[in-house]
């Protein structure tokens, strides 16, 4: 056999490896087991945070409900003579029912690791329920504040003090549910659309 160059000796072709420039050491990839563990920890923290916020909102709503319902001191100092305080009471009851049901559902899911609702549906119920309940709480408190302020100008007594404390408990419950709505909004935005 002869080469195309006309030389009859066999030629061996050897490939040399490419020269690689020295680079900084590689950092571990963000995926893999470490990424999965971080995601699980974040999801667990969000679940527990949401449960804690709803539990505190339940407590504040229950306190507001008890204070308003027991705010009867005779004559003009009965809560049921004023529609603002009846609205405050009704929303406190609704908030107790909603936050109690949500806390029960979350405790059930955390303890049994069984979901009662599909993840996407649960995220939607959490988000819209928290939004609606937070709005109702702040609207009931804001409707009762002017009435209480007018009454306190004339006479500052146990009725107006009880009304003011019930209003403040509703506002605290609003803040808790607003925080829970932020968490549930984040969980809803990270759910797949399938």
Protein backbone atom coordinates (compact mmCIF):
# COMPACT_ATOMS: atom_id res chain seq x y z
CA UNK A 1 0.00 0.00 0.00
CA UNK A 2 1.27 3.37 -0.80
CA UNK A 3 0.32 6.72 0.63
CA UNK A 4 -1.06 9.50 -1.52
CA UNK A 5 2.28 11.29 -0.95
CA UNK A 6 4.03 8.55 -2.87
CA UNK A 7 5.83 7.22 0.23
CA UNK A 8 5.52 3.47 0.70
CA UNK A 9 6.06 3.47 4.50
CA UNK A 10 2.95 3.28 6.62
CA UNK A 11 2.00 6.45 8.49
CA UNK A 12 0.33 6.32 11.86
CA UNK A 13 -1.89 9.20 12.82
CA UNK A 14 -2.03 9.97 16.59
CA UNK A 15 -4.53 12.46 17.99
CA UNK A 16 -3.33 14.66 20.77
CA UNK A 17 -5.75 15.70 23.48
CA UNK A 18 -6.85 19.32 23.38
CA UNK A 19 -5.22 21.69 25.83
CA UNK A 20 -7.65 22.74 28.56
CA UNK A 21 -7.06 26.00 30.34
CA UNK A 22 -7.00 25.88 34.12
CA UNK A 23 -10.27 27.02 35.59
CA UNK A 24 -11.78 27.58 39.02
CA UNK A 25 -13.02 24.48 40.81
CA UNK A 26 -16.58 23.54 39.92
CA UNK A 27 -19.29 24.22 42.47
CA UNK A 28 -21.83 21.51 43.13
CA UNK A 29 -24.97 21.72 41.06
CA UNK A 30 -28.00 23.24 42.75
CA UNK A 31 -30.17 20.32 41.72
CA UNK A 32 -29.96 16.79 42.89
CA UNK A 33 -30.60 15.61 46.40
CA UNK A 34 -29.51 18.87 48.04
CA UNK A 35 -32.01 20.86 45.97
CA UNK A 36 -34.78 18.41 46.72
CA UNK A 37 -34.07 18.55 50.45
CA UNK A 38 -34.06 22.35 50.42
CA UNK A 39 -37.39 22.40 48.57
CA UNK A 40 -38.93 19.94 51.06
CA UNK A 41 -37.72 22.04 53.99
CA UNK A 42 -39.14 25.19 52.39
CA UNK A 43 -42.50 23.53 51.72
CA UNK A 44 -42.62 22.16 55.27
CA UNK A 45 -41.81 25.60 56.68
CA UNK A 46 -44.56 27.16 54.55
CA UNK A 47 -47.09 24.56 55.71
CA UNK A 48 -46.22 25.05 59.36
CA UNK A 49 -46.12 28.85 59.00
CA UNK A 50 -49.53 28.88 57.37
CA UNK A 51 -50.92 26.61 60.08
CA UNK A 52 -49.46 28.84 62.81
CA UNK A 53 -50.91 32.00 61.25
CA UNK A 54 -54.33 30.41 60.89
CA UNK A 55 -54.20 29.12 64.45
CA UNK A 56 -53.41 32.60 65.77
CA UNK A 57 -56.14 34.09 63.54
CA UNK A 58 -58.56 31.53 65.03
CA UNK A 59 -57.57 32.61 68.53
CA UNK A 60 -57.99 36.33 67.77
CA UNK A 61 -61.32 35.73 66.01
CA UNK A 62 -62.57 33.66 68.92
CA UNK A 63 -61.57 36.36 71.41
CA UNK A 64 -63.29 39.01 69.28
CA UNK A 65 -66.42 36.85 69.07
CA UNK A 66 -66.55 36.29 72.84
CA UNK A 67 -65.97 39.96 73.66
CA UNK A 68 -68.65 41.22 71.28
CA UNK A 69 -71.19 38.55 72.27
CA UNK A 70 -70.73 39.32 75.97
CA UNK A 71 -70.84 43.10 75.50
CA UNK A 72 -74.31 43.58 76.99
CA UNK A 73 -74.56 46.09 79.80
CA UNK A 74 -78.19 47.21 79.54
CA UNK A 75 -80.01 50.12 77.95
CA UNK A 76 -78.00 51.62 75.03
CA UNK A 77 -74.92 49.55 75.94
CA UNK A 78 -76.00 46.33 74.21
CA UNK A 79 -74.05 45.32 71.12
CA UNK A 80 -77.14 44.00 69.32
CA UNK A 81 -78.66 47.49 69.14
CA UNK A 82 -75.97 48.53 66.64
CA UNK A 83 -75.64 46.99 63.21
CA UNK A 84 -71.89 47.70 63.12
CA UNK A 85 -71.33 45.46 66.14
CA UNK A 86 -73.67 42.79 64.80
CA UNK A 87 -71.61 42.79 61.60
CA UNK A 88 -68.41 42.55 63.66
CA UNK A 89 -69.89 39.57 65.52
CA UNK A 90 -71.05 37.83 62.33
CA UNK A 91 -67.64 38.17 60.68
CA UNK A 92 -65.88 36.99 63.86
CA UNK A 93 -68.08 33.87 63.78
CA UNK A 94 -67.33 33.29 60.07
CA UNK A 95 -63.63 33.79 60.71
CA UNK A 96 -63.72 31.25 63.55
CA UNK A 97 -65.44 28.71 61.31
CA UNK A 98 -63.11 29.29 58.35
CA UNK A 99 -59.84 29.33 60.27
CA UNK A 100 -60.93 26.40 62.42
CA UNK A 101 -61.81 24.31 59.36
CA UNK A 102 -58.56 25.24 57.60
CA UNK A 103 -56.45 24.53 60.69
CA UNK A 104 -58.20 21.17 61.13
CA UNK A 105 -57.55 20.29 57.48
CA UNK A 106 -53.89 21.24 57.72
CA UNK A 107 -53.38 19.34 60.98
CA UNK A 108 -55.07 16.31 59.42
CA UNK A 109 -52.81 16.50 56.35
CA UNK A 110 -49.64 16.98 58.41
CA UNK A 111 -50.40 14.14 60.82
CA UNK A 112 -51.60 11.55 58.30
CA UNK A 113 -49.62 12.72 55.22
CA UNK A 114 -52.86 12.28 53.26
CA UNK A 115 -54.30 15.14 51.25
CA UNK A 116 -58.00 15.89 51.54
CA UNK A 117 -57.93 18.04 48.39
CA UNK A 118 -55.80 17.99 45.26
CA UNK A 119 -52.75 20.28 45.70
CA UNK A 120 -53.88 22.83 43.10
CA UNK A 121 -57.44 22.91 44.46
CA UNK A 122 -56.19 23.23 48.05
CA UNK A 123 -53.91 26.12 47.04
CA UNK A 124 -56.82 27.90 45.34
CA UNK A 125 -59.17 27.37 48.31
CA UNK A 126 -56.46 28.61 50.70
CA UNK A 127 -55.64 31.68 48.64
CA UNK A 128 -59.18 32.84 47.87
CA UNK A 129 -60.51 31.89 51.32
CA UNK A 130 -57.73 33.80 53.08
CA UNK A 131 -58.25 36.82 50.82
CA UNK A 132 -62.01 36.93 51.33
CA UNK A 133 -61.84 36.34 55.07
CA UNK A 134 -59.11 38.97 55.53
CA UNK A 135 -61.20 41.48 53.60
CA UNK A 136 -64.30 40.74 55.67
CA UNK A 137 -62.35 41.09 58.92
CA UNK A 138 -60.89 44.47 58.04
CA UNK A 139 -64.22 45.73 56.68
CA UNK A 140 -66.08 44.72 59.86
CA UNK A 141 -63.45 46.38 62.03
CA UNK A 142 -63.45 49.54 59.92
CA UNK A 143 -67.24 49.78 60.08
CA UNK A 144 -67.26 49.53 63.89
CA UNK A 145 -64.40 51.98 64.53
CA UNK A 146 -66.34 55.22 63.76
CA UNK A 147 -69.26 54.15 65.96
CA UNK A 148 -66.93 53.35 68.84
CA UNK A 149 -65.06 56.65 68.44
CA UNK A 150 -68.33 58.63 68.53
CA UNK A 151 -69.44 56.77 71.65
CA UNK A 152 -66.10 57.33 73.37
CA UNK A 153 -66.39 61.08 72.83
CA UNK A 154 -69.57 61.11 74.92
CA UNK A 155 -68.76 58.45 77.51
CA UNK A 156 -65.79 56.20 77.98
CA UNK A 157 -67.05 53.11 79.77
CA UNK A 158 -66.80 49.33 79.80
CA UNK A 159 -69.04 49.05 76.71
CA UNK A 160 -66.81 51.22 74.54
CA UNK A 161 -63.65 49.63 75.97
CA UNK A 162 -64.99 46.15 75.17
CA UNK A 163 -65.95 47.27 71.69
CA UNK A 164 -62.48 48.70 71.09
CA UNK A 165 -60.80 45.51 72.26
CA UNK A 166 -63.04 43.36 70.02
CA UNK A 167 -62.17 45.60 67.08
CA UNK A 168 -58.45 45.29 67.81
CA UNK A 169 -58.73 41.48 67.97
CA UNK A 170 -60.41 41.52 64.55
CA UNK A 171 -57.59 43.66 63.18
CA UNK A 172 -54.99 41.26 64.59
CA UNK A 173 -56.87 38.35 62.99
CA UNK A 174 -56.82 40.30 59.72
CA UNK A 175 -53.01 40.64 59.88
CA UNK A 176 -52.63 36.91 60.50
CA UNK A 177 -54.89 35.99 57.58
CA UNK A 178 -53.17 38.55 55.35
CA UNK A 179 -49.87 36.83 56.11
CA UNK A 180 -51.45 33.47 55.44
CA UNK A 181 -52.80 34.83 52.15
CA UNK A 182 -49.25 35.77 51.13
CA UNK A 183 -48.06 32.23 51.86
CA UNK A 184 -51.01 30.65 50.06
CA UNK A 185 -50.45 33.01 47.11
CA UNK A 186 -46.85 31.83 46.88
CA UNK A 187 -47.96 28.19 47.07
CA UNK A 188 -50.57 28.80 44.37
CA UNK A 189 -48.02 30.43 42.08
CA UNK A 190 -45.64 27.46 42.41
CA UNK A 191 -48.29 24.82 41.63
CA UNK A 192 -48.15 23.23 38.18
CA UNK A 193 -51.09 24.04 35.90
CA UNK A 194 -51.75 20.41 35.04
